[in-house]
Amino acid sequence: MMNKVSAEDVVVLGASVDSVKSHRAFAEKYTLDYPLLSDTDGALSAAMGVLNKVGPVKLSARVTFLIDRDGRIARVFDPVSPSGHAEEVLKALG
């Protein structure tokens, strides 16, 4: 995906409450070419309004945010279906 967005001057990051070890396995399994942030305390997910708690279990909802150069949220994709989502984001950037 990164090779498709580099010309757009875009930074792609993924984040969830999963551990670094879990992210590493996920990135390898799906051959991801962008960094995944481990938000194990849920602070980022809570700040973005995507933290879900089920008892002691914390989960991050699957949501994509496009943030403009001024740091403002320009667009939100919610819910996100992984199938075809990269193309949907690229289309929004174009």
N, C-alpha and C. Protein backbone atom coordinates (compact mmCIF):
# COMPACT_ATOMS: atom_id res chain seq x y z
N MET A 1 0.82 -1.20 0.00
CA MET A 1 0.00 0.00 0.00
C MET A 1 0.86 1.26 0.00
N MET A 2 1.96 1.23 0.76
CA MET A 2 2.78 2.43 0.88
C MET A 2 3.31 2.91 -0.46
N ASN A 3 3.65 2.00 -1.35
CA ASN A 3 4.16 2.43 -2.64
C ASN A 3 3.09 3.16 -3.44
N LYS A 4 1.82 2.90 -3.16
CA LYS A 4 0.73 3.57 -3.86
C LYS A 4 0.46 4.95 -3.29
N VAL A 5 0.76 5.17 -2.02
CA VAL A 5 0.45 6.46 -1.40
C VAL A 5 1.65 7.38 -1.25
N SER A 6 2.84 6.92 -1.52
CA SER A 6 4.02 7.75 -1.31
C SER A 6 3.97 9.01 -2.16
N ALA A 7 3.43 8.92 -3.35
CA ALA A 7 3.33 10.09 -4.21
C ALA A 7 2.31 11.10 -3.67
N GLU A 8 1.45 10.66 -2.78
CA GLU A 8 0.42 11.53 -2.21
C GLU A 8 0.90 12.24 -0.96
N ASP A 9 2.16 12.06 -0.56
CA ASP A 9 2.69 12.68 0.65
C ASP A 9 1.85 12.29 1.86
N VAL A 10 1.68 10.98 2.03
CA VAL A 10 0.81 10.43 3.07
C VAL A 10 1.62 9.54 4.00
N VAL A 11 1.25 9.57 5.28
CA VAL A 11 1.83 8.67 6.27
C VAL A 11 0.72 7.72 6.70
N VAL A 12 1.00 6.43 6.67
CA VAL A 12 0.03 5.43 7.09
C VAL A 12 0.53 4.79 8.38
N LEU A 13 -0.33 4.75 9.40
CA LEU A 13 -0.05 4.10 10.67
C LEU A 13 -1.26 3.28 11.06
N GLY A 14 -1.02 2.16 11.67
CA GLY A 14 -2.11 1.37 12.25
C GLY A 14 -1.94 1.39 13.76
N ALA A 15 -3.04 1.29 14.49
CA ALA A 15 -2.95 1.27 15.96
C ALA A 15 -4.06 0.42 16.52
N SER A 16 -3.74 -0.29 17.59
CA SER A 16 -4.74 -1.03 18.35
C SER A 16 -4.18 -1.31 19.73
N VAL A 17 -5.01 -1.88 20.58
CA VAL A 17 -4.58 -2.19 21.94
C VAL A 17 -3.78 -3.49 22.02
N ASP A 18 -3.53 -4.11 20.89
CA ASP A 18 -2.76 -5.35 20.87
C ASP A 18 -1.28 -5.09 21.18
N SER A 19 -0.59 -6.14 21.61
CA SER A 19 0.81 -6.03 21.99
C SER A 19 1.72 -5.88 20.76
N VAL A 20 2.95 -5.47 21.01
CA VAL A 20 3.94 -5.37 19.95
C VAL A 20 4.14 -6.73 19.29
N LYS A 21 4.22 -7.78 20.09
CA LYS A 21 4.39 -9.14 19.57
C LYS A 21 3.23 -9.52 18.65
N SER A 22 2.02 -9.21 19.06
CA SER A 22 0.84 -9.49 18.25
C SER A 22 0.87 -8.71 16.94
N HIS A 23 1.26 -7.43 17.02
CA HIS A 23 1.36 -6.60 15.81
C HIS A 23 2.40 -7.15 14.84
N ARG A 24 3.52 -7.60 15.39
CA ARG A 24 4.58 -8.14 14.54
C ARG A 24 4.07 -9.35 13.76
N ALA A 25 3.37 -10.25 14.44
CA ALA A 25 2.83 -11.44 13.78
C ALA A 25 1.77 -11.06 12.75
N PHE A 26 0.91 -10.09 13.09
CA PHE A 26 -0.14 -9.64 12.18
C PHE A 26 0.47 -9.01 10.92
N ALA A 27 1.47 -8.16 11.11
CA ALA A 27 2.13 -7.49 9.98
C ALA A 27 2.82 -8.50 9.08
N GLU A 28 3.45 -9.50 9.67
CA GLU A 28 4.11 -10.53 8.87
C GLU A 28 3.08 -11.36 8.11
N LYS A 29 2.00 -11.75 8.78
CA LYS A 29 0.96 -12.57 8.16
C LYS A 29 0.36 -11.88 6.95
N TYR A 30 0.11 -10.57 7.06
CA TYR A 30 -0.56 -9.83 5.98
C TYR A 30 0.40 -8.98 5.16
N THR A 31 1.70 -9.16 5.36
CA THR A 31 2.74 -8.45 4.62
C THR A 31 2.49 -6.94 4.62
N LEU A 32 2.25 -6.38 5.78
CA LEU A 32 1.99 -4.95 5.88
C LEU A 32 3.30 -4.18 5.72
N ASP A 33 3.22 -3.05 5.02
CA ASP A 33 4.41 -2.25 4.79
C ASP A 33 4.30 -0.88 5.47
N TYR A 34 3.57 -0.84 6.58
CA TYR A 34 3.46 0.38 7.37
C TYR A 34 3.50 0.01 8.85
N PRO A 35 3.88 0.96 9.71
CA PRO A 35 4.02 0.67 11.14
C PRO A 35 2.67 0.47 11.84
N LEU A 36 2.69 -0.40 12.85
CA LEU A 36 1.54 -0.61 13.72
C LEU A 36 1.92 -0.13 15.12
N LEU A 37 1.10 0.71 15.69
CA LEU A 37 1.35 1.26 17.02
C LEU A 37 0.64 0.42 18.07
N SER A 38 1.34 0.04 19.11
CA SER A 38 0.76 -0.76 20.18
C SER A 38 0.27 0.17 21.29
N ASP A 39 -1.04 0.26 21.42
CA ASP A 39 -1.70 1.15 22.37
C ASP A 39 -2.24 0.32 23.54
N THR A 40 -1.34 -0.39 24.23
CA THR A 40 -1.79 -1.37 25.22
C THR A 40 -2.57 -0.77 26.38
N ASP A 41 -2.35 0.50 26.70
CA ASP A 41 -3.14 1.10 27.78
C ASP A 41 -4.45 1.70 27.28
N GLY A 42 -4.64 1.73 25.95
CA GLY A 42 -5.89 2.22 25.37
C GLY A 42 -6.03 3.73 25.32
N ALA A 43 -4.98 4.46 25.66
CA ALA A 43 -5.07 5.93 25.70
C ALA A 43 -5.36 6.54 24.33
N LEU A 44 -4.65 6.09 23.31
CA LEU A 44 -4.89 6.61 21.96
C LEU A 44 -6.28 6.22 21.47
N SER A 45 -6.63 4.96 21.65
CA SER A 45 -7.95 4.49 21.22
C SER A 45 -9.06 5.27 21.91
N ALA A 46 -8.90 5.53 23.21
CA ALA A 46 -9.90 6.30 23.96
C ALA A 46 -9.98 7.73 23.43
N ALA A 47 -8.82 8.34 23.19
CA ALA A 47 -8.79 9.71 22.69
C ALA A 47 -9.45 9.84 21.32
N MET A 48 -9.35 8.78 20.51
CA MET A 48 -9.96 8.79 19.18
C MET A 48 -11.41 8.32 19.20
N GLY A 49 -11.89 7.92 20.38
CA GLY A 49 -13.28 7.49 20.50
C GLY A 49 -13.57 6.11 19.96
N VAL A 50 -12.54 5.25 19.89
CA VAL A 50 -12.73 3.92 19.32
C VAL A 50 -12.44 2.79 20.30
N LEU A 51 -12.28 3.13 21.59
CA LEU A 51 -11.99 2.10 22.59
C LEU A 51 -13.29 1.46 23.06
N ASN A 52 -13.34 0.15 23.00
CA ASN A 52 -14.48 -0.62 23.51
C ASN A 52 -13.98 -1.50 24.65
N LYS A 53 -14.74 -1.53 25.74
CA LYS A 53 -14.38 -2.38 26.87
C LYS A 53 -15.49 -3.39 27.09
N VAL A 54 -15.07 -4.64 27.25
CA VAL A 54 -15.98 -5.73 27.60
C VAL A 54 -15.39 -6.35 28.86
N GLY A 55 -15.88 -5.88 30.01
CA GLY A 55 -15.26 -6.30 31.27
C GLY A 55 -13.83 -5.80 31.29
N PRO A 56 -12.88 -6.67 31.60
CA PRO A 56 -11.48 -6.24 31.65
C PRO A 56 -10.81 -6.21 30.26
N VAL A 57 -11.51 -6.67 29.24
CA VAL A 57 -10.93 -6.74 27.89
C VAL A 57 -11.13 -5.42 27.16
N LYS A 58 -10.03 -4.91 26.58
CA LYS A 58 -10.09 -3.68 25.78
C LYS A 58 -9.91 -4.04 24.31
N LEU A 59 -10.71 -3.41 23.47
CA LEU A 59 -10.62 -3.61 22.02
C LEU A 59 -10.66 -2.25 21.33
N SER A 60 -9.95 -2.13 20.22
CA SER A 60 -10.04 -0.93 19.39
C SER A 60 -10.95 -1.24 18.22
N ALA A 61 -11.94 -0.38 18.00
CA ALA A 61 -12.82 -0.56 16.84
C ALA A 61 -12.01 -0.33 15.57
N ARG A 62 -12.42 -0.97 14.49
CA ARG A 62 -11.73 -0.83 13.21
C ARG A 62 -12.27 0.41 12.52
N VAL A 63 -11.52 1.50 12.63
CA VAL A 63 -11.91 2.79 12.06
C VAL A 63 -10.67 3.39 11.41
N THR A 64 -10.86 4.08 10.28
CA THR A 64 -9.76 4.78 9.62
C THR A 64 -10.02 6.27 9.68
N PHE A 65 -8.99 7.02 10.08
CA PHE A 65 -9.06 8.47 10.12
C PHE A 65 -8.08 9.04 9.10
N LEU A 66 -8.53 9.96 8.28
CA LEU A 66 -7.63 10.73 7.42
C LEU A 66 -7.43 12.06 8.14
N ILE A 67 -6.19 12.36 8.45
CA ILE A 67 -5.86 13.58 9.19
C ILE A 67 -5.09 14.50 8.25
N ASP A 68 -5.57 15.74 8.14
CA ASP A 68 -4.95 16.67 7.19
C ASP A 68 -3.65 17.25 7.73
N ARG A 69 -3.01 18.06 6.94
CA ARG A 69 -1.70 18.64 7.29
C ARG A 69 -1.76 19.52 8.53
N ASP A 70 -2.95 20.03 8.86
CA ASP A 70 -3.12 20.88 10.03
C ASP A 70 -3.47 20.08 11.28
N GLY A 71 -3.47 18.73 11.15
CA GLY A 71 -3.76 17.87 12.29
C GLY A 71 -5.25 17.69 12.57
N ARG A 72 -6.09 18.10 11.63
CA ARG A 72 -7.54 17.96 11.80
C ARG A 72 -8.02 16.69 11.10
N ILE A 73 -9.03 16.07 11.67
CA ILE A 73 -9.61 14.89 11.03
C ILE A 73 -10.41 15.35 9.82
N ALA A 74 -9.98 14.91 8.65
CA ALA A 74 -10.61 15.31 7.39
C ALA A 74 -11.71 14.34 6.98
N ARG A 75 -11.56 13.07 7.36
CA ARG A 75 -12.56 12.07 6.99
C ARG A 75 -12.43 10.88 7.92
N VAL A 76 -13.57 10.24 8.19
CA VAL A 76 -13.60 9.05 9.03
C VAL A 76 -14.28 7.94 8.25
N PHE A 77 -13.65 6.78 8.23
CA PHE A 77 -14.24 5.58 7.63
C PHE A 77 -14.66 4.68 8.79
N ASP A 78 -15.96 4.55 9.00
CA ASP A 78 -16.48 3.75 10.10
C ASP A 78 -17.85 3.23 9.72
N PRO A 79 -18.02 1.95 9.64
CA PRO A 79 -17.06 0.89 9.95
C PRO A 79 -16.13 0.62 8.77
N VAL A 80 -15.10 -0.15 9.04
CA VAL A 80 -14.12 -0.52 8.03
C VAL A 80 -14.21 -2.02 7.77
N SER A 81 -14.30 -2.36 6.51
CA SER A 81 -14.19 -3.76 6.10
C SER A 81 -12.83 -3.89 5.44
N PRO A 82 -11.96 -4.74 5.95
CA PRO A 82 -10.61 -4.84 5.38
C PRO A 82 -10.58 -5.10 3.87
N SER A 83 -11.54 -5.86 3.38
CA SER A 83 -11.57 -6.17 1.95
C SER A 83 -11.88 -4.91 1.15
N GLY A 84 -10.91 -4.47 0.36
CA GLY A 84 -11.10 -3.32 -0.50
C GLY A 84 -10.92 -1.97 0.17
N HIS A 85 -10.59 -1.96 1.46
CA HIS A 85 -10.49 -0.69 2.17
C HIS A 85 -9.33 0.17 1.69
N ALA A 86 -8.20 -0.44 1.40
CA ALA A 86 -7.05 0.34 0.92
C ALA A 86 -7.41 1.11 -0.34
N GLU A 87 -8.12 0.46 -1.25
CA GLU A 87 -8.54 1.12 -2.48
C GLU A 87 -9.51 2.27 -2.19
N GLU A 88 -10.40 2.06 -1.21
CA GLU A 88 -11.35 3.10 -0.82
C GLU A 88 -10.62 4.33 -0.29
N VAL A 89 -9.59 4.11 0.53
CA VAL A 89 -8.81 5.22 1.07
C VAL A 89 -8.04 5.92 -0.05
N LEU A 90 -7.42 5.15 -0.92
CA LEU A 90 -6.67 5.75 -2.05
C LEU A 90 -7.59 6.61 -2.90
N LYS A 91 -8.80 6.15 -3.13
CA LYS A 91 -9.77 6.92 -3.92
C LYS A 91 -10.10 8.24 -3.21
N ALA A 92 -10.27 8.21 -1.90
CA ALA A 92 -10.56 9.41 -1.13
C ALA A 92 -9.40 10.41 -1.18
N LEU A 93 -8.18 9.89 -1.27
CA LEU A 93 -7.01 10.76 -1.32
C LEU A 93 -6.83 11.42 -2.68
N GLY A 94 -7.35 10.74 -3.71
CA GLY A 94 -7.17 11.21 -5.09
C GLY A 94 -8.07 12.30 -5.42
